[in-house]
PDB file of all heavy atoms in Angstrom:
ATOM      1  N   THR A   1    -139.412  19.743  13.963  1.00  0.00           N
ATOM      2  CA  THR A   1    -139.422  19.111  12.621  1.00  0.00           C
ATOM      3  C   THR A   1    -139.624  20.228  11.589  1.00  0.00           C
ATOM      4  O   THR A   1    -140.606  21.020  11.732  1.00  0.00           O
ATOM      5  CB  THR A   1    -140.448  18.072  12.517  1.00  0.00           C
ATOM      6  OG1 THR A   1    -140.314  16.990  13.458  1.00  0.00           O
ATOM      7  CG2 THR A   1    -140.470  17.490  11.064  1.00  0.00           C
ATOM      8  N   ILE A   2    -138.706  20.350  10.647  1.00  0.00           N
ATOM      9  CA  ILE A   2    -138.857  21.353   9.580  1.00  0.00           C
ATOM     10  C   ILE A   2    -139.391  20.689   8.382  1.00  0.00           C
ATOM     11  O   ILE A   2    -138.934  19.437   8.025  1.00  0.00           O
ATOM     12  CB  ILE A   2    -137.606  22.126   9.302  1.00  0.00           C
ATOM     13  CG1 ILE A   2    -137.800  23.261   8.323  1.00  0.00           C
ATOM     14  CG2 ILE A   2    -136.499  21.209   8.764  1.00  0.00           C
ATOM     15  CD1 ILE A   2    -136.598  24.143   8.160  1.00  0.00           C
ATOM     16  N   SER A   3    -140.275  21.337   7.641  1.00  0.00           N
ATOM     17  CA  SER A   3    -140.787  20.686   6.364  1.00  0.00           C
ATOM     18  C   SER A   3    -141.199  21.825   5.448  1.00  0.00           C
ATOM     19  O   SER A   3    -141.281  23.067   5.823  1.00  0.00           O
ATOM     20  CB  SER A   3    -142.025  19.783   6.675  1.00  0.00           C
ATOM     21  OG  SER A   3    -143.060  20.517   7.256  1.00  0.00           O
ATOM     22  N   ARG A   4    -141.444  21.471   4.210  1.00  0.00           N
ATOM     23  CA  ARG A   4    -141.943  22.565   3.214  1.00  0.00           C
ATOM     24  C   ARG A   4    -142.916  21.943   2.346  1.00  0.00           C
ATOM     25  O   ARG A   4    -142.929  20.746   1.972  1.00  0.00           O
ATOM     26  CB  ARG A   4    -140.700  23.139   2.502  1.00  0.00           C
ATOM     27  CG  ARG A   4    -139.987  22.170   1.496  1.00  0.00           C
ATOM     28  CD  ARG A   4    -138.728  22.815   1.036  1.00  0.00           C
ATOM     29  NE  ARG A   4    -138.877  24.036   0.213  1.00  0.00           N
ATOM     30  CZ  ARG A   4    -137.954  24.841  -0.070  1.00  0.00           C
ATOM     31  NH1 ARG A   4    -136.748  24.595   0.340  1.00  0.00           N
ATOM     32  NH2 ARG A   4    -138.293  25.908  -0.811  1.00  0.00           N
ATOM     33  N   ASP A   5    -143.782  22.862   1.773  1.00  0.00           N
ATOM     34  CA  ASP A   5    -144.791  22.569   0.725  1.00  0.00           C
ATOM     35  C   ASP A   5    -144.487  23.548  -0.396  1.00  0.00           C
ATOM     36  O   ASP A   5    -144.983  24.644  -0.326  1.00  0.00           O
ATOM     37  CB  ASP A   5    -146.200  22.689   1.343  1.00  0.00           C
ATOM     38  CG  ASP A   5    -147.321  22.277   0.341  1.00  0.00           C
ATOM     39  OD1 ASP A   5    -146.998  22.221  -0.835  1.00  0.00           O
ATOM     40  OD2 ASP A   5    -148.455  22.060   0.808  1.00  0.00           O
ATOM     41  N   ASN A   6    -143.870  23.081  -1.430  1.00  0.00           N
ATOM     42  CA  ASN A   6    -143.511  23.985  -2.438  1.00  0.00           C
ATOM     43  C   ASN A   6    -144.713  24.422  -3.238  1.00  0.00           C
ATOM     44  O   ASN A   6    -144.679  25.491  -3.854  1.00  0.00           O
ATOM     45  CB  ASN A   6    -142.466  23.299  -3.409  1.00  0.00           C
ATOM     46  CG  ASN A   6    -141.109  23.207  -2.779  1.00  0.00           C
ATOM     47  OD1 ASN A   6    -140.846  23.736  -1.703  1.00  0.00           O
ATOM     48  ND2 ASN A   6    -140.222  22.499  -3.491  1.00  0.00           N
ATOM     49  N   SER A   7    -145.797  23.656  -3.251  1.00  0.00           N
ATOM     50  CA  SER A   7    -146.969  24.080  -3.968  1.00  0.00           C
ATOM     51  C   SER A   7    -147.613  25.329  -3.318  1.00  0.00           C
ATOM     52  O   SER A   7    -148.334  26.163  -4.001  1.00  0.00           O
ATOM     53  CB  SER A   7    -147.976  22.990  -4.082  1.00  0.00           C
ATOM     54  OG  SER A   7    -148.531  22.602  -2.867  1.00  0.00           O
ATOM     55  N   ARG A   8    -147.416  25.430  -2.013  1.00  0.00           N
ATOM     56  CA  ARG A   8    -147.866  26.583  -1.310  1.00  0.00           C
ATOM     57  C   ARG A   8    -146.844  27.605  -0.989  1.00  0.00           C
ATOM     58  O   ARG A   8    -147.067  28.590  -0.288  1.00  0.00           O
ATOM     59  CB  ARG A   8    -148.555  26.079   0.088  1.00  0.00           C
ATOM     60  CG  ARG A   8    -149.775  25.209  -0.194  1.00  0.00           C
ATOM     61  CD  ARG A   8    -150.398  24.804   1.111  1.00  0.00           C
ATOM     62  NE  ARG A   8    -151.522  23.983   0.955  1.00  0.00           N
ATOM     63  CZ  ARG A   8    -152.796  24.454   0.780  1.00  0.00           C
ATOM     64  NH1 ARG A   8    -153.048  25.655   0.758  1.00  0.00           N
ATOM     65  NH2 ARG A   8    -153.805  23.500   0.618  1.00  0.00           N
ATOM     66  N   LYS A   9    -145.585  27.290  -1.360  1.00  0.00           N
ATOM     67  CA  LYS A   9    -144.389  28.270  -1.092  1.00  0.00           C
ATOM     68  C   LYS A   9    -144.411  28.524   0.414  1.00  0.00           C
ATOM     69  O   LYS A   9    -144.140  29.594   0.815  1.00  0.00           O
ATOM     70  CB  LYS A   9    -144.513  29.518  -1.993  1.00  0.00           C
ATOM     71  CG  LYS A   9    -144.398  29.303  -3.483  1.00  0.00           C
ATOM     72  CD  LYS A   9    -144.454  30.606  -4.186  1.00  0.00           C
ATOM     73  CE  LYS A   9    -143.974  30.437  -5.684  1.00  0.00           C
ATOM     74  NZ  LYS A   9    -144.758  29.485  -6.362  1.00  0.00           N
ATOM     75  N   THR A  10    -144.487  27.459   1.155  1.00  0.00           N
ATOM     76  CA  THR A  10    -144.559  27.555   2.627  1.00  0.00           C
ATOM     77  C   THR A  10    -143.554  26.604   3.269  1.00  0.00           C
ATOM     78  O   THR A  10    -143.469  25.493   2.894  1.00  0.00           O
ATOM     79  CB  THR A  10    -145.952  27.368   3.114  1.00  0.00           C
ATOM     80  OG1 THR A  10    -146.853  28.297   2.573  1.00  0.00           O
ATOM     81  CG2 THR A  10    -146.038  27.518   4.676  1.00  0.00           C
ATOM     82  N   VAL A  11    -142.869  27.039   4.308  1.00  0.00           N
ATOM     83  CA  VAL A  11    -142.031  26.110   5.155  1.00  0.00           C
ATOM     84  C   VAL A  11    -142.637  26.212   6.479  1.00  0.00           C
ATOM     85  O   VAL A  11    -143.080  27.217   6.991  1.00  0.00           O
ATOM     86  CB  VAL A  11    -140.549  26.585   5.103  1.00  0.00           C
ATOM     87  CG1 VAL A  11    -140.381  27.994   5.662  1.00  0.00           C
ATOM     88  CG2 VAL A  11    -139.714  25.613   5.857  1.00  0.00           C
ATOM     89  N   TYR A  12    -142.539  25.081   7.133  1.00  0.00           N
ATOM     90  CA  TYR A  12    -143.126  24.978   8.543  1.00  0.00           C
ATOM     91  C   TYR A  12    -142.051  24.554   9.552  1.00  0.00           C
ATOM     92  O   TYR A  12    -141.051  23.867   9.229  1.00  0.00           O
ATOM     93  CB  TYR A  12    -144.200  23.812   8.557  1.00  0.00           C
ATOM     94  CG  TYR A  12    -145.317  24.023   7.614  1.00  0.00           C
ATOM     95  CD1 TYR A  12    -145.254  23.454   6.328  1.00  0.00           C
ATOM     96  CD2 TYR A  12    -146.366  24.889   7.822  1.00  0.00           C
ATOM     97  CE1 TYR A  12    -146.286  23.677   5.416  1.00  0.00           C
ATOM     98  CE2 TYR A  12    -147.420  25.074   6.962  1.00  0.00           C
ATOM     99  CZ  TYR A  12    -147.418  24.479   5.720  1.00  0.00           C
ATOM    100  OH  TYR A  12    -148.369  24.690   4.841  1.00  0.00           O
ATOM    101  N   LEU A  13    -142.335  24.846  10.783  1.00  0.00           N
ATOM    102  CA  LEU A  13    -141.502  24.354  11.896  1.00  0.00           C
ATOM    103  C   LEU A  13    -142.419  23.896  12.959  1.00  0.00           C
ATOM    104  O   LEU A  13    -143.088  24.640  13.634  1.00  0.00           O
ATOM    105  CB  LEU A  13    -140.614  25.468  12.485  1.00  0.00           C
ATOM    106  CG  LEU A  13    -139.604  25.074  13.523  1.00  0.00           C
ATOM    107  CD1 LEU A  13    -138.546  24.106  12.951  1.00  0.00           C
ATOM    108  CD2 LEU A  13    -138.935  26.250  14.207  1.00  0.00           C
ATOM    109  N   GLU A  14    -142.493  22.582  13.092  1.00  0.00           N
ATOM    110  CA  GLU A  14    -143.278  21.865  14.208  1.00  0.00           C
ATOM    111  C   GLU A  14    -142.387  21.821  15.387  1.00  0.00           C
ATOM    112  O   GLU A  14    -141.302  21.287  15.347  1.00  0.00           O
ATOM    113  CB  GLU A  14    -143.751  20.569  13.735  1.00  0.00           C
ATOM    114  CG  GLU A  14    -144.746  20.565  12.670  1.00  0.00           C
ATOM    115  CD  GLU A  14    -146.217  20.759  13.104  1.00  0.00           C
ATOM    116  OE1 GLU A  14    -146.359  20.863  14.331  1.00  0.00           O
ATOM    117  OE2 GLU A  14    -147.083  20.781  12.327  1.00  0.00           O
ATOM    118  N   MET A  15    -142.792  22.390  16.452  1.00  0.00           N
ATOM    119  CA  MET A  15    -142.120  22.452  17.749  1.00  0.00           C
ATOM    120  C   MET A  15    -142.810  21.679  18.769  1.00  0.00           C
ATOM    121  O   MET A  15    -143.959  22.067  19.143  1.00  0.00           O
ATOM    122  CB  MET A  15    -141.807  23.910  18.167  1.00  0.00           C
ATOM    123  CG  MET A  15    -141.105  24.722  17.152  1.00  0.00           C
ATOM    124  SD  MET A  15    -140.775  26.400  17.667  1.00  0.00           S
ATOM    125  CE  MET A  15    -142.385  27.087  17.875  1.00  0.00           C
ATOM    126  N   ASN A  16    -142.185  20.658  19.346  1.00  0.00           N
ATOM    127  CA  ASN A  16    -142.802  19.837  20.330  1.00  0.00           C
ATOM    128  C   ASN A  16    -141.969  19.851  21.579  1.00  0.00           C
ATOM    129  O   ASN A  16    -140.740  20.137  21.565  1.00  0.00           O
ATOM    130  CB  ASN A  16    -142.941  18.382  19.813  1.00  0.00           C
ATOM    131  CG  ASN A  16    -143.778  18.224  18.599  1.00  0.00           C
ATOM    132  OD1 ASN A  16    -144.870  18.707  18.541  1.00  0.00           O
ATOM    133  ND2 ASN A  16    -143.255  17.541  17.598  1.00  0.00           N
ATOM    134  N   ASN A  17    -142.545  19.412  22.729  1.00  0.00           N
ATOM    135  CA  ASN A  17    -141.783  19.398  23.966  1.00  0.00           C
ATOM    136  C   ASN A  17    -141.150  20.655  24.276  1.00  0.00           C
ATOM    137  O   ASN A  17    -139.955  20.722  24.651  1.00  0.00           O
ATOM    138  CB  ASN A  17    -140.923  18.183  24.047  1.00  0.00           C
ATOM    139  CG  ASN A  17    -141.557  16.879  23.912  1.00  0.00           C
ATOM    140  OD1 ASN A  17    -141.269  16.088  23.024  1.00  0.00           O
ATOM    141  ND2 ASN A  17    -142.561  16.684  24.774  1.00  0.00           N
ATOM    142  N   LEU A  18    -141.796  21.803  24.103  1.00  0.00           N
ATOM    143  CA  LEU A  18    -141.183  23.075  24.161  1.00  0.00           C
ATOM    144  C   LEU A  18    -140.700  23.347  25.584  1.00  0.00           C
ATOM    145  O   LEU A  18    -141.215  22.929  26.624  1.00  0.00           O
ATOM    146  CB  LEU A  18    -142.114  24.178  23.733  1.00  0.00           C
ATOM    147  CG  LEU A  18    -142.287  24.377  22.231  1.00  0.00           C
ATOM    148  CD1 LEU A  18    -143.545  25.097  21.865  1.00  0.00           C
ATOM    149  CD2 LEU A  18    -141.079  25.016  21.650  1.00  0.00           C
ATOM    150  N   LYS A  19    -139.551  24.047  25.700  1.00  0.00           N
ATOM    151  CA  LYS A  19    -138.877  24.377  26.963  1.00  0.00           C
ATOM    152  C   LYS A  19    -138.737  25.874  27.136  1.00  0.00           C
ATOM    153  O   LYS A  19    -138.780  26.614  26.041  1.00  0.00           O
ATOM    154  CB  LYS A  19    -137.524  23.789  27.013  1.00  0.00           C
ATOM    155  CG  LYS A  19    -137.491  22.277  26.802  1.00  0.00           C
ATOM    156  CD  LYS A  19    -136.083  21.758  26.795  1.00  0.00           C
ATOM    157  CE  LYS A  19    -136.085  20.227  26.557  1.00  0.00           C
ATOM    158  NZ  LYS A  19    -134.704  19.708  26.522  1.00  0.00           N
ATOM    159  N   PRO A  20    -138.705  26.416  28.316  1.00  0.00           N
ATOM    160  CA  PRO A  20    -138.582  27.877  28.493  1.00  0.00           C
ATOM    161  C   PRO A  20    -137.352  28.402  27.704  1.00  0.00           C
ATOM    162  O   PRO A  20    -137.467  29.566  27.208  1.00  0.00           O
ATOM    163  CB  PRO A  20    -138.326  28.036  29.997  1.00  0.00           C
ATOM    164  CG  PRO A  20    -139.100  26.889  30.562  1.00  0.00           C
ATOM    165  CD  PRO A  20    -138.925  25.758  29.597  1.00  0.00           C
ATOM    166  N   GLU A  21    -136.305  27.653  27.504  1.00  0.00           N
ATOM    167  CA  GLU A  21    -135.087  28.115  26.844  1.00  0.00           C
ATOM    168  C   GLU A  21    -135.353  28.241  25.288  1.00  0.00           C
ATOM    169  O   GLU A  21    -134.521  28.731  24.561  1.00  0.00           O
ATOM    170  CB  GLU A  21    -133.888  27.283  27.046  1.00  0.00           C
ATOM    171  CG  GLU A  21    -134.191  25.774  26.990  1.00  0.00           C
ATOM    172  CD  GLU A  21    -134.473  25.095  28.288  1.00  0.00           C
ATOM    173  OE1 GLU A  21    -135.263  25.664  29.065  1.00  0.00           O
ATOM    174  OE2 GLU A  21    -133.898  23.939  28.440  1.00  0.00           O
ATOM    175  N   ASP A  22    -136.461  27.779  24.825  1.00  0.00           N
ATOM    176  CA  ASP A  22    -136.901  27.918  23.413  1.00  0.00           C
ATOM    177  C   ASP A  22    -137.444  29.344  23.177  1.00  0.00           C
ATOM    178  O   ASP A  22    -137.676  29.665  22.008  1.00  0.00           O
ATOM    179  CB  ASP A  22    -137.865  26.910  23.031  1.00  0.00           C
ATOM    180  CG  ASP A  22    -137.293  25.428  23.022  1.00  0.00           C
ATOM    181  OD1 ASP A  22    -136.084  25.312  22.583  1.00  0.00           O
ATOM    182  OD2 ASP A  22    -138.023  24.581  23.405  1.00  0.00           O
ATOM    183  N   THR A  23    -137.784  30.060  24.216  1.00  0.00           N
ATOM    184  CA  THR A  23    -138.274  31.426  24.096  1.00  0.00           C
ATOM    185  C   THR A  23    -137.377  32.231  23.314  1.00  0.00           C
ATOM    186  O   THR A  23    -136.202  32.472  23.648  1.00  0.00           O
ATOM    187  CB  THR A  23    -138.548  32.037  25.493  1.00  0.00           C
ATOM    188  OG1 THR A  23    -139.592  31.206  26.098  1.00  0.00           O
ATOM    189  CG2 THR A  23    -139.090  33.476  25.278  1.00  0.00           C
ATOM    190  N   ALA A  24    -137.930  32.850  22.239  1.00  0.00           N
ATOM    191  CA  ALA A  24    -137.077  33.738  21.314  1.00  0.00           C
ATOM    192  C   ALA A  24    -137.988  34.249  20.221  1.00  0.00           C
ATOM    193  O   ALA A  24    -139.115  33.825  20.037  1.00  0.00           O
ATOM    194  CB  ALA A  24    -135.925  32.849  20.644  1.00  0.00           C
ATOM    195  N   VAL A  25    -137.440  35.157  19.456  1.00  0.00           N
ATOM    196  CA  VAL A  25    -138.057  35.554  18.194  1.00  0.00           C
ATOM    197  C   VAL A  25    -137.509  34.662  17.103  1.00  0.00           C
ATOM    198  O   VAL A  25    -136.309  34.485  17.034  1.00  0.00           O
ATOM    199  CB  VAL A  25    -137.784  36.999  17.848  1.00  0.00           C
ATOM    200  CG1 VAL A  25    -138.363  37.350  16.446  1.00  0.00           C
ATOM    201  CG2 VAL A  25    -138.329  37.983  18.883  1.00  0.00           C
ATOM    202  N   TYR A  26    -138.423  33.943  16.409  1.00  0.00           N
ATOM    203  CA  TYR A  26    -138.055  33.065  15.406  1.00  0.00           C
ATOM    204  C   TYR A  26    -138.151  33.690  14.009  1.00  0.00           C
ATOM    205  O   TYR A  26    -139.125  34.274  13.679  1.00  0.00           O
ATOM    206  CB  TYR A  26    -138.959  31.780  15.482  1.00  0.00           C
ATOM    207  CG  TYR A  26    -138.587  30.863  16.603  1.00  0.00           C
ATOM    208  CD1 TYR A  26    -138.825  31.217  17.946  1.00  0.00           C
ATOM    209  CD2 TYR A  26    -138.005  29.604  16.335  1.00  0.00           C
ATOM    210  CE1 TYR A  26    -138.517  30.370  18.892  1.00  0.00           C
ATOM    211  CE2 TYR A  26    -137.662  28.771  17.434  1.00  0.00           C
ATOM    212  CZ  TYR A  26    -137.886  29.163  18.676  1.00  0.00           C
ATOM    213  OH  TYR A  26    -137.556  28.290  19.723  1.00  0.00           O
ATOM    214  N   TYR A  27    -137.091  33.508  13.255  1.00  0.00           N
ATOM    215  CA  TYR A  27    -136.935  34.150  11.942  1.00  0.00           C
ATOM    216  C   TYR A  27    -136.901  33.117  10.839  1.00  0.00           C
ATOM    217  O   TYR A  27    -136.097  32.111  11.025  1.00  0.00           O
ATOM    218  CB  TYR A  27    -135.672  35.063  11.853  1.00  0.00           C
ATOM    219  CG  TYR A  27    -135.723  36.188  12.807  1.00  0.00           C
ATOM    220  CD1 TYR A  27    -135.206  36.061  14.039  1.00  0.00           C
ATOM    221  CD2 TYR A  27    -136.240  37.408  12.379  1.00  0.00           C
ATOM    222  CE1 TYR A  27    -135.171  37.160  14.914  1.00  0.00           C
ATOM    223  CE2 TYR A  27    -136.327  38.569  13.227  1.00  0.00           C
ATOM    224  CZ  TYR A  27    -135.690  38.411  14.539  1.00  0.00           C
ATOM    225  OH  TYR A  27    -135.677  39.481  15.369  1.00  0.00           O
ATOM    226  N   CYS A  28    -137.544  33.268   9.808  1.00  0.00           N
ATOM    227  CA  CYS A  28    -137.522  32.410   8.615  1.00  0.00           C
ATOM    228  C   CYS A  28    -136.542  33.089   7.558  1.00  0.00           C
ATOM    229  O   CYS A  28    -136.516  34.372   7.502  1.00  0.00           O
ATOM    230  CB  CYS A  28    -138.843  32.246   8.027  1.00  0.00           C
ATOM    231  SG  CYS A  28    -138.901  31.203   6.489  1.00  0.00           S
ATOM    232  N   ALA A  29    -135.784  32.324   6.886  1.00  0.00           N
ATOM    233  CA  ALA A  29    -134.844  32.827   5.961  1.00  0.00           C
ATOM    234  C   ALA A  29    -134.761  31.999   4.608  1.00  0.00           C
ATOM    235  O   ALA A  29    -134.775  30.782   4.717  1.00  0.00           O
ATOM    236  CB  ALA A  29    -133.413  32.872   6.544  1.00  0.00           C
ATOM    237  N   VAL A  30    -134.693  32.669   3.528  1.00  0.00           N
ATOM    238  CA  VAL A  30    -134.440  32.038   2.259  1.00  0.00           C
ATOM    239  C   VAL A  30    -132.893  31.981   2.142  1.00  0.00           C
ATOM    240  O   VAL A  30    -132.236  32.919   2.285  1.00  0.00           O
ATOM    241  CB  VAL A  30    -135.012  32.856   1.108  1.00  0.00           C
ATOM    242  CG1 VAL A  30    -134.794  32.098  -0.209  1.00  0.00           C
ATOM    243  CG2 VAL A  30    -136.488  33.006   1.298  1.00  0.00           C
ATOM    244  N   GLU A  31    -132.419  30.681   1.787  1.00  0.00           N
ATOM    245  CA  GLU A  31    -130.966  30.495   1.731  1.00  0.00           C
ATOM    246  C   GLU A  31    -130.357  30.861   0.507  1.00  0.00           C
ATOM    247  O   GLU A  31    -129.659  30.147  -0.143  1.00  0.00           O
ATOM    248  CB  GLU A  31    -130.692  29.066   2.074  1.00  0.00           C
ATOM    249  CG  GLU A  31    -131.105  28.629   3.442  1.00  0.00           C
ATOM    250  CD  GLU A  31    -130.050  29.123   4.474  1.00  0.00           C
ATOM    251  OE1 GLU A  31    -129.827  30.331   4.514  1.00  0.00           O
ATOM    252  OE2 GLU A  31    -129.494  28.280   5.299  1.00  0.00           O
ATOM    253  N   THR A  32    -130.500  32.176   0.124  1.00  0.00           N
ATOM    254  CA  THR A  32    -129.800  32.811  -0.902  1.00  0.00           C
ATOM    255  C   THR A  32    -128.591  33.542  -0.262  1.00  0.00           C
ATOM    256  O   THR A  32    -128.407  33.502   0.941  1.00  0.00           O
ATOM    257  CB  THR A  32    -130.706  33.920  -1.533  1.00  0.00           C
ATOM    258  OG1 THR A  32    -131.275  34.751  -0.559  1.00  0.00           O
ATOM    259  CG2 THR A  32    -131.810  33.349  -2.353  1.00  0.00           C
ATOM    260  N   THR A  33    -127.757  34.099  -1.116  1.00  0.00           N
ATOM    261  CA  THR A  33    -126.511  34.863  -0.633  1.00  0.00           C
ATOM    262  C   THR A  33    -126.664  36.272  -1.097  1.00  0.00           C
ATOM    263  O   THR A  33    -126.475  36.438  -2.248  1.00  0.00           O
ATOM    264  CB  THR A  33    -125.288  34.208  -1.083  1.00  0.00           C
ATOM    265  OG1 THR A  33    -125.216  32.834  -0.681  1.00  0.00           O
ATOM    266  CG2 THR A  33    -124.065  34.894  -0.460  1.00  0.00           C
ATOM    267  N   PRO A  34    -126.925  37.241  -0.192  1.00  0.00           N
ATOM    268  CA  PRO A  34    -127.201  37.106   1.246  1.00  0.00           C
ATOM    269  C   PRO A  34    -128.714  36.456   1.481  1.00  0.00           C
ATOM    270  O   PRO A  34    -129.432  36.460   0.496  1.00  0.00           O
ATOM    271  CB  PRO A  34    -127.059  38.454   1.793  1.00  0.00           C
ATOM    272  CG  PRO A  34    -127.467  39.282   0.663  1.00  0.00           C
ATOM    273  CD  PRO A  34    -127.002  38.646  -0.579  1.00  0.00           C
ATOM    274  N   ARG A  35    -128.869  36.075   2.665  1.00  0.00           N
ATOM    275  CA  ARG A  35    -130.179  35.578   3.023  1.00  0.00           C
ATOM    276  C   ARG A  35    -131.273  36.615   2.997  1.00  0.00           C
ATOM    277  O   ARG A  35    -130.983  37.798   3.161  1.00  0.00           O
ATOM    278  CB  ARG A  35    -130.175  34.944   4.440  1.00  0.00           C
ATOM    279  CG  ARG A  35    -129.371  33.695   4.630  1.00  0.00           C
ATOM    280  CD  ARG A  35    -129.594  33.116   6.013  1.00  0.00           C
ATOM    281  NE  ARG A  35    -128.887  31.857   6.157  1.00  0.00           N
ATOM    282  CZ  ARG A  35    -127.670  31.732   6.687  1.00  0.00           C
ATOM    283  NH1 ARG A  35    -127.036  32.796   7.125  1.00  0.00           N
ATOM    284  NH2 ARG A  35    -127.078  30.589   6.771  1.00  0.00           N
ATOM    285  N   TYR A  36    -132.528  36.244   2.588  1.00  0.00           N
ATOM    286  CA  TYR A  36    -133.672  37.032   2.750  1.00  0.00           C
ATOM    287  C   TYR A  36    -134.367  36.710   4.080  1.00  0.00           C
ATOM    288  O   TYR A  36    -134.716  35.550   4.249  1.00  0.00           O
ATOM    289  CB  TYR A  36    -134.619  36.831   1.550  1.00  0.00           C
ATOM    290  CG  TYR A  36    -134.188  37.662   0.343  1.00  0.00           C
ATOM    291  CD1 TYR A  36    -133.113  37.178  -0.424  1.00  0.00           C
ATOM    292  CD2 TYR A  36    -134.821  38.718  -0.049  1.00  0.00           C
ATOM    293  CE1 TYR A  36    -132.813  37.882  -1.628  1.00  0.00           C
ATOM    294  CE2 TYR A  36    -134.517  39.399  -1.218  1.00  0.00           C
ATOM    295  CZ  TYR A  36    -133.391  39.026  -1.981  1.00  0.00           C
ATOM    296  OH  TYR A  36    -133.036  39.709  -3.090  1.00  0.00           O
ATOM    297  N   TRP A  37    -134.589  37.675   4.938  1.00  0.00           N
ATOM    298  CA  TRP A  37    -135.121  37.428   6.210  1.00  0.00           C
ATOM    299  C   TRP A  37    -136.543  37.914   6.394  1.00  0.00           C
ATOM    300  O   TRP A  37    -136.889  38.889   5.741  1.00  0.00           O
ATOM    301  CB  TRP A  37    -134.277  38.219   7.320  1.00  0.00           C
ATOM    302  CG  TRP A  37    -132.841  37.673   7.465  1.00  0.00           C
ATOM    303  CD1 TRP A  37    -131.804  38.248   6.887  1.00  0.00           C
ATOM    304  CD2 TRP A  37    -132.374  36.587   8.225  1.00  0.00           C
ATOM    305  NE1 TRP A  37    -130.654  37.544   7.242  1.00  0.00           N
ATOM    306  CE2 TRP A  37    -130.970  36.603   8.079  1.00  0.00           C
ATOM    307  CE3 TRP A  37    -133.094  35.767   9.066  1.00  0.00           C
ATOM    308  CZ2 TRP A  37    -130.239  35.596   8.669  1.00  0.00           C
ATOM    309  CZ3 TRP A  37    -132.311  34.769   9.717  1.00  0.00           C
ATOM    310  CH2 TRP A  37    -130.839  34.664   9.544  1.00  0.00           C
ATOM    311  N   GLY A  38    -137.303  37.214   7.186  1.00  0.00           N
ATOM    312  CA  GLY A  38    -138.656  37.620   7.616  1.00  0.00           C
ATOM    313  C   GLY A  38    -138.486  38.586   8.712  1.00  0.00           C
ATOM    314  O   GLY A  38    -137.398  38.844   9.272  1.00  0.00           O
ATOM    315  N   GLN A  39    -139.619  39.183   9.195  1.00  0.00           N
ATOM    316  CA  GLN A  39    -139.638  40.044  10.371  1.00  0.00           C
ATOM    317  C   GLN A  39    -139.594  39.337  11.721  1.00  0.00           C
ATOM    318  O   GLN A  39    -139.265  39.946  12.710  1.00  0.00           O
ATOM    319  CB  GLN A  39    -140.923  40.952  10.304  1.00  0.00           C
ATOM    320  CG  GLN A  39    -140.783  42.058   9.264  1.00  0.00           C
ATOM    321  CD  GLN A  39    -141.971  42.934   9.338  1.00  0.00           C
ATOM    322  OE1 GLN A  39    -142.888  42.849   8.570  1.00  0.00           O
ATOM    323  NE2 GLN A  39    -141.884  43.882  10.204  1.00  0.00           N
ATOM    324  N   GLY A  40    -139.868  38.081  11.674  1.00  0.00           N
ATOM    325  CA  GLY A  40    -139.918  37.298  12.959  1.00  0.00           C
ATOM    326  C   GLY A  40    -141.131  37.164  13.617  1.00  0.00           C
ATOM    327  O   GLY A  40    -142.035  37.995  13.470  1.00  0.00           O
ATOM    328  N   THR A  41    -141.348  36.102  14.402  1.00  0.00           N
ATOM    329  CA  THR A  41    -142.535  35.817  15.166  1.00  0.00           C
ATOM    330  C   THR A  41    -142.090  35.399  16.615  1.00  0.00           C
ATOM    331  O   THR A  41    -141.246  34.577  16.739  1.00  0.00           O
ATOM    332  CB  THR A  41    -143.444  34.800  14.506  1.00  0.00           C
ATOM    333  OG1 THR A  41    -144.661  34.625  15.206  1.00  0.00           O
ATOM    334  CG2 THR A  41    -142.778  33.391  14.343  1.00  0.00           C
ATOM    335  N   GLN A  42    -142.715  36.000  17.553  1.00  0.00           N
ATOM    336  CA  GLN A  42    -142.401  35.697  18.968  1.00  0.00           C
ATOM    337  C   GLN A  42    -142.934  34.445  19.466  1.00  0.00           C
ATOM    338  O   GLN A  42    -144.153  34.098  19.323  1.00  0.00           O
ATOM    339  CB  GLN A  42    -142.842  36.866  19.882  1.00  0.00           C
ATOM    340  CG  GLN A  42    -142.588  36.681  21.361  1.00  0.00           C
ATOM    341  CD  GLN A  42    -141.094  36.803  21.691  1.00  0.00           C
ATOM    342  OE1 GLN A  42    -140.470  37.676  21.297  1.00  0.00           O
ATOM    343  NE2 GLN A  42    -140.672  35.808  22.502  1.00  0.00           N
ATOM    344  N   VAL A  43    -142.138  33.587  20.083  1.00  0.00           N
ATOM    345  CA  VAL A  43    -142.416  32.310  20.681  1.00  0.00           C
ATOM    346  C   VAL A  43    -142.075  32.517  22.254  1.00  0.00           C
ATOM    347  O   VAL A  43    -140.861  32.705  22.534  1.00  0.00           O
ATOM    348  CB  VAL A  43    -141.860  31.148  20.087  1.00  0.00           C
ATOM    349  CG1 VAL A  43    -142.136  29.886  20.954  1.00  0.00           C
ATOM    350  CG2 VAL A  43    -142.280  30.911  18.712  1.00  0.00           C
ATOM    351  N   THR A  44    -143.002  32.326  23.112  1.00  0.00           N
ATOM    352  CA  THR A  44    -142.813  32.439  24.470  1.00  0.00           C
ATOM    353  C   THR A  44    -143.329  31.152  25.150  1.00  0.00           C
ATOM    354  O   THR A  44    -144.447  30.797  25.032  1.00  0.00           O
ATOM    355  CB  THR A  44    -143.523  33.631  25.153  1.00  0.00           C
ATOM    356  OG1 THR A  44    -143.109  34.829  24.416  1.00  0.00           O
ATOM    357  CG2 THR A  44    -143.187  33.756  26.646  1.00  0.00           C
TER     358      THR A  44
END
């Protein structure tokens, strides 16, 4: 589930029932053109 709190300028990703195939580096992006990318956070 993705959600956002504009008062905190924060977007969230709630991940449930995680599977091994979800293992990856997760990147957040602002949907400008071109996108603005974060550095990523590892999920294992």
